[in-house]
Amino acid sequence: MQSRRGHATAVVLGAASLGAPAAQAQAQVEQPALVGYQFCGWRNFAGPGWTLGSPEDGVYLAAFARGLTCKTARRHVLRATSKGAPLGYCCVTLKQSHEYLDRRCTKRATTRAFRFQTGA
């Protein structure tokens, strides 16, 4: 009889502990994911710099990197949005619509690439 009670307690405790990670996952901010790319953050237009949290206003610029550091990818993204593709990179627009842009820039003959998405 005792073993049944002990087993039931263990099952209840196990179920309660499974619910905790789900609650923590909902509390965390969802970051966009692109296969093969590392998320490098949101450009904070309300203030200076980049953030890994959610964008604070309705306008956003998300940066992604593959084979680059996030610092370099962010610098390239800012250059690509204002002056065109950085030296040695070829940029292609993957999707564009009203107030949305998804662009990928790759370095010739390497696996280095960065990608950015803008929107409102």
C-alpha atoms as a PDB file:
ATOM      1  CA  MET A   1       0.000   0.000   0.000  1.00  0.00           C
ATOM      2  CA  GLN A   2       2.787   2.395   0.859  1.00  0.00           C
ATOM      3  CA  SER A   3       4.516   1.788  -2.477  1.00  0.00           C
ATOM      4  CA  ARG A   4       1.361   2.776  -4.355  1.00  0.00           C
ATOM      5  CA  ARG A   5       1.090   6.006  -2.413  1.00  0.00           C
ATOM      6  CA  GLY A   6       4.778   6.739  -2.984  1.00  0.00           C
ATOM      7  CA  HIS A   7       4.396   6.037  -6.704  1.00  0.00           C
ATOM      8  CA  ALA A   8       1.358   8.302  -6.998  1.00  0.00           C
ATOM      9  CA  THR A   9       3.223  11.100  -5.225  1.00  0.00           C
ATOM     10  CA  ALA A  10       6.161  10.719  -7.596  1.00  0.00           C
ATOM     11  CA  VAL A  11       3.867  10.882 -10.618  1.00  0.00           C
ATOM     12  CA  VAL A  12       2.161  14.030  -9.318  1.00  0.00           C
ATOM     13  CA  LEU A  13       5.514  15.689  -8.543  1.00  0.00           C
ATOM     14  CA  GLY A  14       6.815  14.693 -11.978  1.00  0.00           C
ATOM     15  CA  ALA A  15       3.791  16.243 -13.694  1.00  0.00           C
ATOM     16  CA  ALA A  16       4.194  19.456 -11.695  1.00  0.00           C
ATOM     17  CA  SER A  17       7.859  19.733 -12.635  1.00  0.00           C
ATOM     18  CA  LEU A  18       7.008  19.264 -16.320  1.00  0.00           C
ATOM     19  CA  GLY A  19       4.694  22.273 -16.181  1.00  0.00           C
ATOM     20  CA  ALA A  20       7.410  24.608 -14.862  1.00  0.00           C
ATOM     21  CA  PRO A  21       9.596  24.688 -18.030  1.00  0.00           C
ATOM     22  CA  ALA A  22       6.511  25.384 -20.142  1.00  0.00           C
ATOM     23  CA  ALA A  23       5.687  28.409 -17.994  1.00  0.00           C
ATOM     24  CA  GLN A  24       9.286  29.621 -18.231  1.00  0.00           C
ATOM     25  CA  ALA A  25       9.260  29.206 -22.017  1.00  0.00           C
ATOM     26  CA  GLN A  26       6.155  31.404 -22.275  1.00  0.00           C
ATOM     27  CA  ALA A  27       7.788  34.057 -20.089  1.00  0.00           C
ATOM     28  CA  GLN A  28      10.813  34.277 -22.410  1.00  0.00           C
ATOM     29  CA  VAL A  29      10.583  36.409 -25.526  1.00  0.00           C
ATOM     30  CA  GLU A  30      10.315  34.406 -28.717  1.00  0.00           C
ATOM     31  CA  GLN A  31      13.195  35.115 -31.060  1.00  0.00           C
ATOM     32  CA  PRO A  32      12.734  34.659 -34.779  1.00  0.00           C
ATOM     33  CA  ALA A  33      14.524  31.629 -36.168  1.00  0.00           C
ATOM     34  CA  LEU A  34      15.952  31.047 -39.617  1.00  0.00           C
ATOM     35  CA  VAL A  35      17.476  27.657 -40.351  1.00  0.00           C
ATOM     36  CA  GLY A  36      21.268  27.928 -40.486  1.00  0.00           C
ATOM     37  CA  TYR A  37      21.409  31.477 -39.107  1.00  0.00           C
ATOM     38  CA  GLN A  38      22.141  32.827 -35.654  1.00  0.00           C
ATOM     39  CA  PHE A  39      19.764  35.522 -34.382  1.00  0.00           C
ATOM     40  CA  CYS A  40      21.776  38.684 -33.654  1.00  0.00           C
ATOM     41  CA  GLY A  41      19.115  40.965 -32.248  1.00  0.00           C
ATOM     42  CA  TRP A  42      16.619  43.696 -32.955  1.00  0.00           C
ATOM     43  CA  ARG A  43      17.621  47.244 -33.820  1.00  0.00           C
ATOM     44  CA  ASN A  44      16.093  49.459 -31.183  1.00  0.00           C
ATOM     45  CA  PHE A  45      14.764  52.541 -32.986  1.00  0.00           C
ATOM     46  CA  ALA A  46      13.424  54.010 -29.732  1.00  0.00           C
ATOM     47  CA  GLY A  47      16.976  54.264 -28.361  1.00  0.00           C
ATOM     48  CA  PRO A  48      20.544  53.493 -29.322  1.00  0.00           C
ATOM     49  CA  GLY A  49      21.845  50.018 -30.015  1.00  0.00           C
ATOM     50  CA  TRP A  50      20.622  46.477 -30.472  1.00  0.00           C
ATOM     51  CA  THR A  51      18.584  44.315 -28.115  1.00  0.00           C
ATOM     52  CA  LEU A  52      17.866  40.593 -27.888  1.00  0.00           C
ATOM     53  CA  GLY A  53      14.476  41.244 -26.287  1.00  0.00           C
ATOM     54  CA  SER A  54      11.346  42.150 -28.192  1.00  0.00           C
ATOM     55  CA  PRO A  55      11.307  45.356 -30.235  1.00  0.00           C
ATOM     56  CA  GLU A  56       9.869  48.195 -28.175  1.00  0.00           C
ATOM     57  CA  ASP A  57       8.033  50.056 -30.893  1.00  0.00           C
ATOM     58  CA  GLY A  58       6.162  48.911 -33.983  1.00  0.00           C
ATOM     59  CA  VAL A  59       9.125  49.329 -36.343  1.00  0.00           C
ATOM     60  CA  TYR A  60      11.783  46.640 -36.326  1.00  0.00           C
ATOM     61  CA  LEU A  61      15.000  45.485 -37.963  1.00  0.00           C
ATOM     62  CA  ALA A  62      16.100  41.939 -37.161  1.00  0.00           C
ATOM     63  CA  ALA A  63      19.649  40.760 -37.941  1.00  0.00           C
ATOM     64  CA  PHE A  64      20.892  37.212 -38.540  1.00  0.00           C
ATOM     65  CA  ALA A  65      24.392  35.836 -39.188  1.00  0.00           C
ATOM     66  CA  ARG A  66      25.946  32.706 -40.695  1.00  0.00           C
ATOM     67  CA  GLY A  67      29.718  32.324 -40.503  1.00  0.00           C
ATOM     68  CA  LEU A  68      30.093  35.840 -39.030  1.00  0.00           C
ATOM     69  CA  THR A  69      30.101  37.279 -35.555  1.00  0.00           C
ATOM     70  CA  CYS A  70      26.961  39.148 -34.583  1.00  0.00           C
ATOM     71  CA  LYS A  71      28.951  42.361 -34.213  1.00  0.00           C
ATOM     72  CA  THR A  72      30.120  42.141 -37.830  1.00  0.00           C
ATOM     73  CA  ALA A  73      26.685  41.117 -39.092  1.00  0.00           C
ATOM     74  CA  ARG A  74      25.031  44.076 -37.344  1.00  0.00           C
ATOM     75  CA  ARG A  75      27.546  46.460 -38.869  1.00  0.00           C
ATOM     76  CA  HIS A  76      26.939  44.983 -42.331  1.00  0.00           C
ATOM     77  CA  VAL A  77      23.151  45.170 -41.866  1.00  0.00           C
ATOM     78  CA  LEU A  78      23.297  48.866 -41.037  1.00  0.00           C
ATOM     79  CA  ARG A  79      25.520  49.495 -44.053  1.00  0.00           C
ATOM     80  CA  ALA A  80      23.289  47.442 -46.358  1.00  0.00           C
ATOM     81  CA  THR A  81      20.157  49.309 -45.281  1.00  0.00           C
ATOM     82  CA  SER A  82      21.680  52.747 -45.847  1.00  0.00           C
ATOM     83  CA  LYS A  83      24.463  52.537 -48.466  1.00  0.00           C
ATOM     84  CA  GLY A  84      23.969  49.220 -50.271  1.00  0.00           C
ATOM     85  CA  ALA A  85      25.825  45.919 -50.051  1.00  0.00           C
ATOM     86  CA  PRO A  86      29.157  45.865 -48.191  1.00  0.00           C
ATOM     87  CA  LEU A  87      32.260  45.226 -50.295  1.00  0.00           C
ATOM     88  CA  GLY A  88      32.402  41.635 -51.540  1.00  0.00           C
ATOM     89  CA  TYR A  89      28.768  40.826 -50.753  1.00  0.00           C
ATOM     90  CA  CYS A  90      25.897  40.232 -53.140  1.00  0.00           C
ATOM     91  CA  CYS A  91      22.438  41.003 -51.752  1.00  0.00           C
ATOM     92  CA  VAL A  92      19.181  39.444 -52.929  1.00  0.00           C
ATOM     93  CA  THR A  93      15.680  40.431 -51.853  1.00  0.00           C
ATOM     94  CA  LEU A  94      13.836  37.248 -50.861  1.00  0.00           C
ATOM     95  CA  LYS A  95      10.469  38.776 -50.021  1.00  0.00           C
ATOM     96  CA  GLN A  96       9.116  42.286 -50.153  1.00  0.00           C
ATOM     97  CA  SER A  97       5.709  43.757 -49.480  1.00  0.00           C
ATOM     98  CA  HIS A  98       4.222  46.893 -47.986  1.00  0.00           C
ATOM     99  CA  GLU A  99       6.369  47.776 -44.935  1.00  0.00           C
ATOM    100  CA  TYR A 100       8.250  44.429 -45.025  1.00  0.00           C
ATOM    101  CA  LEU A 101      11.601  43.404 -46.483  1.00  0.00           C
ATOM    102  CA  ASP A 102      13.563  40.164 -46.186  1.00  0.00           C
ATOM    103  CA  ARG A 103      17.039  40.386 -47.699  1.00  0.00           C
ATOM    104  CA  ARG A 104      19.981  37.951 -47.732  1.00  0.00           C
ATOM    105  CA  CYS A 105      23.550  39.022 -48.444  1.00  0.00           C
ATOM    106  CA  THR A 106      26.228  36.420 -49.174  1.00  0.00           C
ATOM    107  CA  LYS A 107      29.958  36.739 -49.645  1.00  0.00           C
ATOM    108  CA  ARG A 108      31.177  35.326 -52.906  1.00  0.00           C
ATOM    109  CA  ALA A 109      32.929  31.929 -52.770  1.00  0.00           C
ATOM    110  CA  THR A 110      32.416  31.506 -48.980  1.00  0.00           C
ATOM    111  CA  THR A 111      29.705  30.404 -46.584  1.00  0.00           C
ATOM    112  CA  ARG A 112      29.578  33.806 -44.877  1.00  0.00           C
ATOM    113  CA  ALA A 113      26.196  35.453 -45.026  1.00  0.00           C
ATOM    114  CA  PHE A 114      23.956  37.806 -43.140  1.00  0.00           C
ATOM    115  CA  ARG A 115      20.271  38.364 -43.413  1.00  0.00           C
ATOM    116  CA  PHE A 116      17.937  41.057 -42.197  1.00  0.00           C
ATOM    117  CA  GLN A 117      14.211  41.614 -42.009  1.00  0.00           C
ATOM    118  CA  THR A 118      12.506  44.964 -41.638  1.00  0.00           C
ATOM    119  CA  GLY A 119       8.899  45.768 -40.970  1.00  0.00           C
ATOM    120  CA  ALA A 120       6.363  47.774 -39.093  1.00  0.00           C
END
